[in-house]
Amino acid sequence: MAATATPAINFWPQTACAKAFWGQHELRPYRDLLSDTVDWVDPRSGEHWLDLGCGCGEITRSVWEKSGGRVAELVALDCAAANAGQIERVRRKAEPPDTQGRIRFVQGDFSTGLATWPSAHFDGVTSGLAIQYAESYAPGKGWTTDAYDALLSEVHRVLRPGGRFVFSVNVPDPAWGKVGLQALPYVIGSRRPLRLLKNIVRMWRYGKWLKREARRGRFHYLPIATVVDRLEAAGFGRVSYRLSYADQAYVVRCRKE
């Protein structure tokens, strides 16, 4: 049955939701995901990079540090204004620190596109468990994949020929409990275990919302074959992928031919 009204709730721009995910980089499943992602990211001196759905900036930091602080521009895009402070912290504490303002935060919703940037502006785009939340709603039709497909096309547009796109997406019907179980030993060994445990509970609660909305078609936990097909339809080639994040996410690498 087609939906007739758009649900009002969207937690992603809210400060409480942003803060709930700030501590995930301390946990083993996310550390594995970050490592697998950065392994395929290859920023070079003088290049321009974009981090979609940057969150607290762990991928942003990793791109900067892997380049030795030699990228010309590193844009961290997120819909939550609260993450601006986290990116500023990355600027100051990364090695080497960004003293010239080449890392910058942009607040925006990539569901509506990347019109801020001209075609062929970036050498590389990266994203961690974010593009699957591009959402589009059509009155009388309900939730669609239009924004997801449009985002892939927009990433292709803003990349220069030969540009790289490295990102992660969750598997269909992800088992958050498996992620939590693998994370528990690191909570016990943490200097602030109660804070980490509290954040795990918060993430689990948001995870229930995400899975519920995904079943309605709002968010997109797609089979990897479907992701590959959509990337190729958008113009990407040389697609490769591997499992990570306690087997609950794929890391994907592709290129604008």
Protein backbone atom coordinates (compact mmCIF):
# COMPACT_ATOMS: atom_id res chain seq x y z
CA MET A 1 0.00 0.00 0.00
CA ALA A 2 1.39 3.41 -0.90
CA ALA A 3 2.08 5.80 1.95
CA THR A 4 0.20 9.06 2.01
CA ALA A 5 2.26 11.18 4.43
CA THR A 6 5.94 11.53 5.26
CA PRO A 7 6.87 10.56 8.84
CA ALA A 8 8.26 13.65 10.58
CA ILE A 9 10.96 11.95 12.64
CA ASN A 10 14.56 12.13 11.47
CA PHE A 11 17.16 11.60 14.16
CA TRP A 12 20.27 12.09 12.01
CA PRO A 13 20.50 15.91 12.27
CA GLN A 14 19.90 15.86 16.03
CA THR A 15 22.75 16.49 18.44
CA ALA A 16 21.82 13.53 20.66
CA CYS A 17 22.06 11.14 17.71
CA ALA A 18 25.39 12.58 16.59
CA LYS A 19 26.85 12.24 20.08
CA ALA A 20 25.68 8.63 20.39
CA PHE A 21 28.04 7.64 17.58
CA TRP A 22 31.08 9.67 18.66
CA GLY A 23 32.55 6.84 20.69
CA GLN A 24 32.12 4.04 18.17
CA HIS A 25 35.70 4.41 16.90
CA GLU A 26 36.90 3.02 20.25
CA LEU A 27 35.22 -0.32 19.57
CA ARG A 28 36.75 -3.23 17.66
CA PRO A 29 34.09 -3.68 14.92
CA TYR A 30 34.32 -0.03 13.88
CA ARG A 31 38.12 -0.04 14.14
CA ASP A 32 38.15 -2.96 11.73
CA LEU A 33 35.79 -1.12 9.38
CA LEU A 34 37.89 2.03 9.53
CA SER A 35 41.07 0.07 8.86
CA ASP A 36 39.55 -1.77 5.90
CA THR A 37 38.25 1.50 4.46
CA VAL A 38 41.49 3.44 4.88
CA ASP A 39 43.43 0.54 3.40
CA TRP A 40 41.68 1.26 0.07
CA VAL A 41 41.85 5.06 0.32
CA ASP A 42 44.88 6.50 -1.48
CA PRO A 43 45.00 10.30 -1.07
CA ARG A 44 47.89 11.99 -2.85
CA SER A 45 49.59 15.34 -2.53
CA GLY A 46 47.55 18.22 -3.93
CA GLU A 47 44.32 16.23 -4.29
CA HIS A 48 40.78 17.24 -3.27
CA TRP A 49 38.74 14.78 -1.18
CA LEU A 50 35.18 14.61 0.17
CA ASP A 51 33.97 12.62 3.21
CA LEU A 52 30.21 12.05 2.96
CA GLY A 53 28.42 11.69 6.31
CA CYS A 54 31.64 12.43 8.20
CA GLY A 55 30.24 12.01 11.73
CA CYS A 56 32.95 12.71 14.30
CA GLY A 57 35.60 12.69 11.57
CA GLU A 58 37.53 9.44 11.96
CA ILE A 59 37.68 8.85 8.19
CA THR A 60 38.46 12.53 7.64
CA ARG A 61 41.37 12.25 10.05
CA SER A 62 42.60 9.06 8.40
CA VAL A 63 42.52 10.53 4.88
CA TRP A 64 44.48 13.56 6.10
CA GLU A 65 47.08 11.53 7.97
CA LYS A 66 47.50 8.96 5.21
CA SER A 67 48.31 11.81 2.82
CA GLY A 68 50.82 13.19 5.31
CA GLY A 69 48.76 16.36 5.47
CA ARG A 70 49.47 17.07 1.81
CA VAL A 71 45.96 17.03 0.32
CA ALA A 72 44.89 20.42 -1.00
CA GLU A 73 41.33 20.15 0.34
CA LEU A 74 39.41 17.77 2.57
CA VAL A 75 35.68 18.49 2.94
CA ALA A 76 33.76 16.79 5.76
CA LEU A 77 30.03 16.85 4.97
CA ASP A 78 27.35 15.95 7.52
CA CYS A 79 23.73 16.86 8.27
CA ALA A 80 24.36 17.24 12.02
CA ALA A 81 25.69 20.67 13.00
CA ALA A 82 27.07 19.17 16.22
CA ASN A 83 29.80 17.44 14.21
CA ALA A 84 31.37 20.78 13.27
CA GLY A 85 33.17 20.82 16.63
CA GLN A 86 34.46 17.29 16.07
CA ILE A 87 35.95 18.22 12.72
CA GLU A 88 37.57 21.28 14.28
CA ARG A 89 39.15 18.94 16.80
CA VAL A 90 40.42 16.76 13.95
CA ARG A 91 41.98 19.86 12.37
CA ARG A 92 43.89 20.67 15.54
CA LYS A 93 44.88 17.19 16.70
CA ALA A 94 45.59 15.36 13.46
CA GLU A 95 49.20 14.54 12.63
CA PRO A 96 50.35 16.89 11.24
CA PRO A 97 47.83 19.51 12.43
CA ASP A 98 45.95 21.41 9.72
CA THR A 99 47.24 24.95 10.20
CA GLN A 100 46.01 26.26 6.83
CA GLY A 101 42.31 25.37 6.99
CA ARG A 102 42.43 22.70 4.33
CA ILE A 103 40.09 20.49 6.39
CA ARG A 104 36.66 22.08 6.61
CA PHE A 105 33.20 21.08 7.77
CA VAL A 106 30.12 21.63 5.61
CA GLN A 107 26.65 21.05 7.02
CA GLY A 108 24.33 19.60 4.41
CA ASP A 109 22.00 16.76 3.50
CA PHE A 110 23.43 14.67 0.67
CA SER A 111 19.95 13.28 -0.01
CA THR A 112 19.37 16.51 -1.95
CA GLY A 113 22.57 16.20 -3.97
CA LEU A 114 26.03 17.75 -4.15
CA ALA A 115 25.21 20.87 -6.13
CA THR A 116 27.64 22.92 -4.01
CA TRP A 117 30.53 21.54 -6.05
CA PRO A 118 31.15 21.72 -9.80
CA SER A 119 31.68 18.66 -11.95
CA ALA A 120 35.09 16.95 -11.76
CA HIS A 121 36.08 18.83 -8.58
CA PHE A 122 37.25 15.94 -6.38
CA ASP A 123 39.94 13.32 -6.85
CA GLY A 124 38.39 11.05 -4.25
CA VAL A 125 35.19 10.55 -2.25
CA THR A 126 34.86 8.38 0.82
CA SER A 127 32.02 7.54 3.21
CA GLY A 128 31.43 5.32 6.23
CA LEU A 129 28.00 3.69 6.62
CA ALA A 130 26.25 6.81 5.37
CA ILE A 131 25.13 6.79 1.73
CA GLN A 132 22.55 4.08 2.49
CA TYR A 133 20.56 6.75 4.34
CA ALA A 134 19.94 8.96 1.31
CA GLU A 135 16.17 9.25 1.39
CA SER A 136 13.46 10.35 -1.00
CA TYR A 137 9.70 10.40 -0.59
CA ALA A 138 7.05 10.79 -3.30
CA PRO A 139 3.46 11.63 -2.27
CA GLY A 140 1.16 8.81 -3.25
CA LYS A 141 4.13 6.53 -3.91
CA GLY A 142 5.99 6.42 -0.60
CA TRP A 143 9.69 5.95 -0.04
CA THR A 144 11.83 5.38 -3.13
CA THR A 145 15.47 4.73 -4.01
CA ASP A 146 15.60 7.87 -6.17
CA ALA A 147 17.84 9.81 -3.75
CA TYR A 148 20.20 6.84 -3.36
CA ASP A 149 20.60 6.47 -7.12
CA ALA A 150 20.89 10.23 -7.58
CA LEU A 151 23.62 10.39 -4.93
CA LEU A 152 25.68 7.78 -6.76
CA SER A 153 25.29 9.79 -9.97
CA GLU A 154 26.27 12.98 -8.13
CA VAL A 155 29.39 11.36 -6.68
CA HIS A 156 30.29 10.27 -10.21
CA ARG A 157 29.71 13.81 -11.47
CA VAL A 158 31.90 15.57 -8.89
CA LEU A 159 34.76 13.10 -9.38
CA ARG A 160 37.46 13.75 -11.93
CA PRO A 161 38.14 11.04 -14.54
CA GLY A 162 40.04 8.31 -12.72
CA GLY A 163 38.64 9.53 -9.37
CA ARG A 164 38.16 6.98 -6.60
CA PHE A 165 35.08 6.24 -4.51
CA VAL A 166 35.64 4.18 -1.32
CA PHE A 167 32.72 3.66 1.05
CA SER A 168 30.95 1.21 3.32
CA VAL A 169 27.32 0.09 3.52
CA ASN A 170 25.53 -2.33 5.80
CA VAL A 171 24.47 -5.80 4.72
CA PRO A 172 20.73 -6.51 4.40
CA ASP A 173 19.05 -6.78 7.82
CA PRO A 174 22.26 -6.12 9.81
CA ALA A 175 22.61 -7.90 13.16
CA TRP A 176 23.50 -5.09 15.57
CA GLY A 177 23.72 -7.62 18.39
CA LYS A 178 26.70 -9.28 16.72
CA VAL A 179 28.45 -5.92 16.49
CA GLY A 180 27.71 -5.28 20.16
CA LEU A 181 29.03 -8.67 21.28
CA GLN A 182 32.33 -8.12 19.49
CA ALA A 183 32.56 -4.67 21.07
CA LEU A 184 31.96 -5.77 24.70
CA PRO A 185 35.54 -6.90 25.51
CA TYR A 186 36.77 -3.42 24.55
CA VAL A 187 34.19 -1.82 26.82
CA ILE A 188 35.49 -3.78 29.80
CA GLY A 189 39.08 -2.76 29.05
CA SER A 190 38.24 0.90 28.46
CA ARG A 191 39.17 3.72 30.82
CA ARG A 192 35.52 4.83 30.73
CA PRO A 193 33.50 1.62 30.36
CA LEU A 194 30.20 3.05 31.60
CA ARG A 195 30.29 5.83 28.99
CA LEU A 196 31.04 3.37 26.20
CA LEU A 197 28.34 0.97 27.37
CA LYS A 198 25.85 3.84 27.47
CA ASN A 199 26.75 4.78 23.89
CA ILE A 200 26.38 1.17 22.74
CA VAL A 201 22.86 1.12 24.19
CA ARG A 202 22.10 4.42 22.44
CA MET A 203 23.42 3.15 19.11
CA TRP A 204 21.38 -0.03 19.51
CA ARG A 205 18.23 2.06 20.04
CA TYR A 206 18.93 4.12 16.94
CA GLY A 207 19.72 0.89 15.12
CA LYS A 208 16.19 -0.38 15.80
CA TRP A 209 14.83 2.79 14.18
CA LEU A 210 17.13 2.39 11.19
CA LYS A 211 16.14 -1.22 10.56
CA ARG A 212 12.46 -0.40 10.92
CA GLU A 213 12.74 2.43 8.40
CA ALA A 214 14.81 0.26 6.05
CA ARG A 215 12.03 -2.34 5.99
CA ARG A 216 9.65 0.45 4.92
CA GLY A 217 11.97 1.39 2.05
CA ARG A 218 13.19 4.66 3.53
CA PHE A 219 16.78 3.46 4.03
CA HIS A 220 18.68 1.01 1.88
CA TYR A 221 20.44 -2.08 3.22
CA LEU A 222 20.90 -3.67 -0.18
CA PRO A 223 22.48 -6.94 -1.34
CA ILE A 224 26.00 -6.27 -2.56
CA ALA A 225 25.09 -7.41 -6.09
CA THR A 226 22.45 -4.67 -6.16
CA VAL A 227 24.95 -2.08 -4.94
CA VAL A 228 27.38 -3.11 -7.69
CA ASP A 229 24.64 -2.91 -10.33
CA ARG A 230 23.69 0.60 -9.20
CA LEU A 231 27.30 1.75 -9.19
CA GLU A 232 27.78 0.49 -12.73
CA ALA A 233 24.53 2.14 -13.81
CA ALA A 234 25.91 5.43 -12.43
CA GLY A 235 29.06 5.02 -14.53
CA PHE A 236 31.54 3.48 -12.09
CA GLY A 237 33.87 0.65 -13.03
CA ARG A 238 36.47 -1.63 -11.46
CA VAL A 239 34.18 -2.36 -8.49
CA SER A 240 35.54 -4.52 -5.69
CA TYR A 241 34.30 -5.19 -2.15
CA ARG A 242 34.91 -7.11 1.05
CA LEU A 243 33.12 -7.84 4.33
CA SER A 244 33.97 -5.97 7.54
CA TYR A 245 32.35 -4.65 10.74
CA ALA A 246 31.69 -8.07 12.30
CA ASP A 247 30.47 -9.18 8.84
CA GLN A 248 27.68 -6.59 9.01
CA ALA A 249 29.02 -4.21 6.35
CA TYR A 250 30.73 -4.18 2.99
CA VAL A 251 33.64 -1.92 2.12
CA VAL A 252 33.39 -1.02 -1.56
CA ARG A 253 35.97 0.47 -3.92
CA CYS A 254 35.31 1.73 -7.43
CA ARG A 255 36.55 4.27 -9.94
CA LYS A 256 35.25 6.80 -12.42
CA GLU A 257 36.66 5.46 -15.66
